[in-house]
Amino acid sequence: MPNVTDALALDVMETQSWPTSAFAVEDLEASGFRLVEVKVFSATKRKDRDRLDELATAWLQDHQNFDRLTARVTLSSDLEYHCLSITFMGWQRI
């Protein structure tokens, strides 16, 4: 089973564009996919950010029932905090 790093690399190579708008989601749905699950892992503390890979990998191992999985990693920050988020969207063929 690939870990979260492998899944993110695979997503970059195989996926179409990340669905950032209702139109992109409609495009995936028009292609025969239905969004069935969204999972977000996020943390602002360094200790928690360092564990995101483990948590996301464990979740991926328990959720292998998707026909397509898209992933997005985002980092937002202000002067004090840095929030790292990993978002997975699980799709199934209609």
Foldseek 3Di string as FASTA:
>chain_A
DDFPVVVQVVQVVPPDDDPPDPVVQVVVVVVQKDWDDKDKDKDWDPVSVVCPRVVRRVVCVVDVPAPDKHKDWDWDDDPPTIMIMIMIIGMHGD
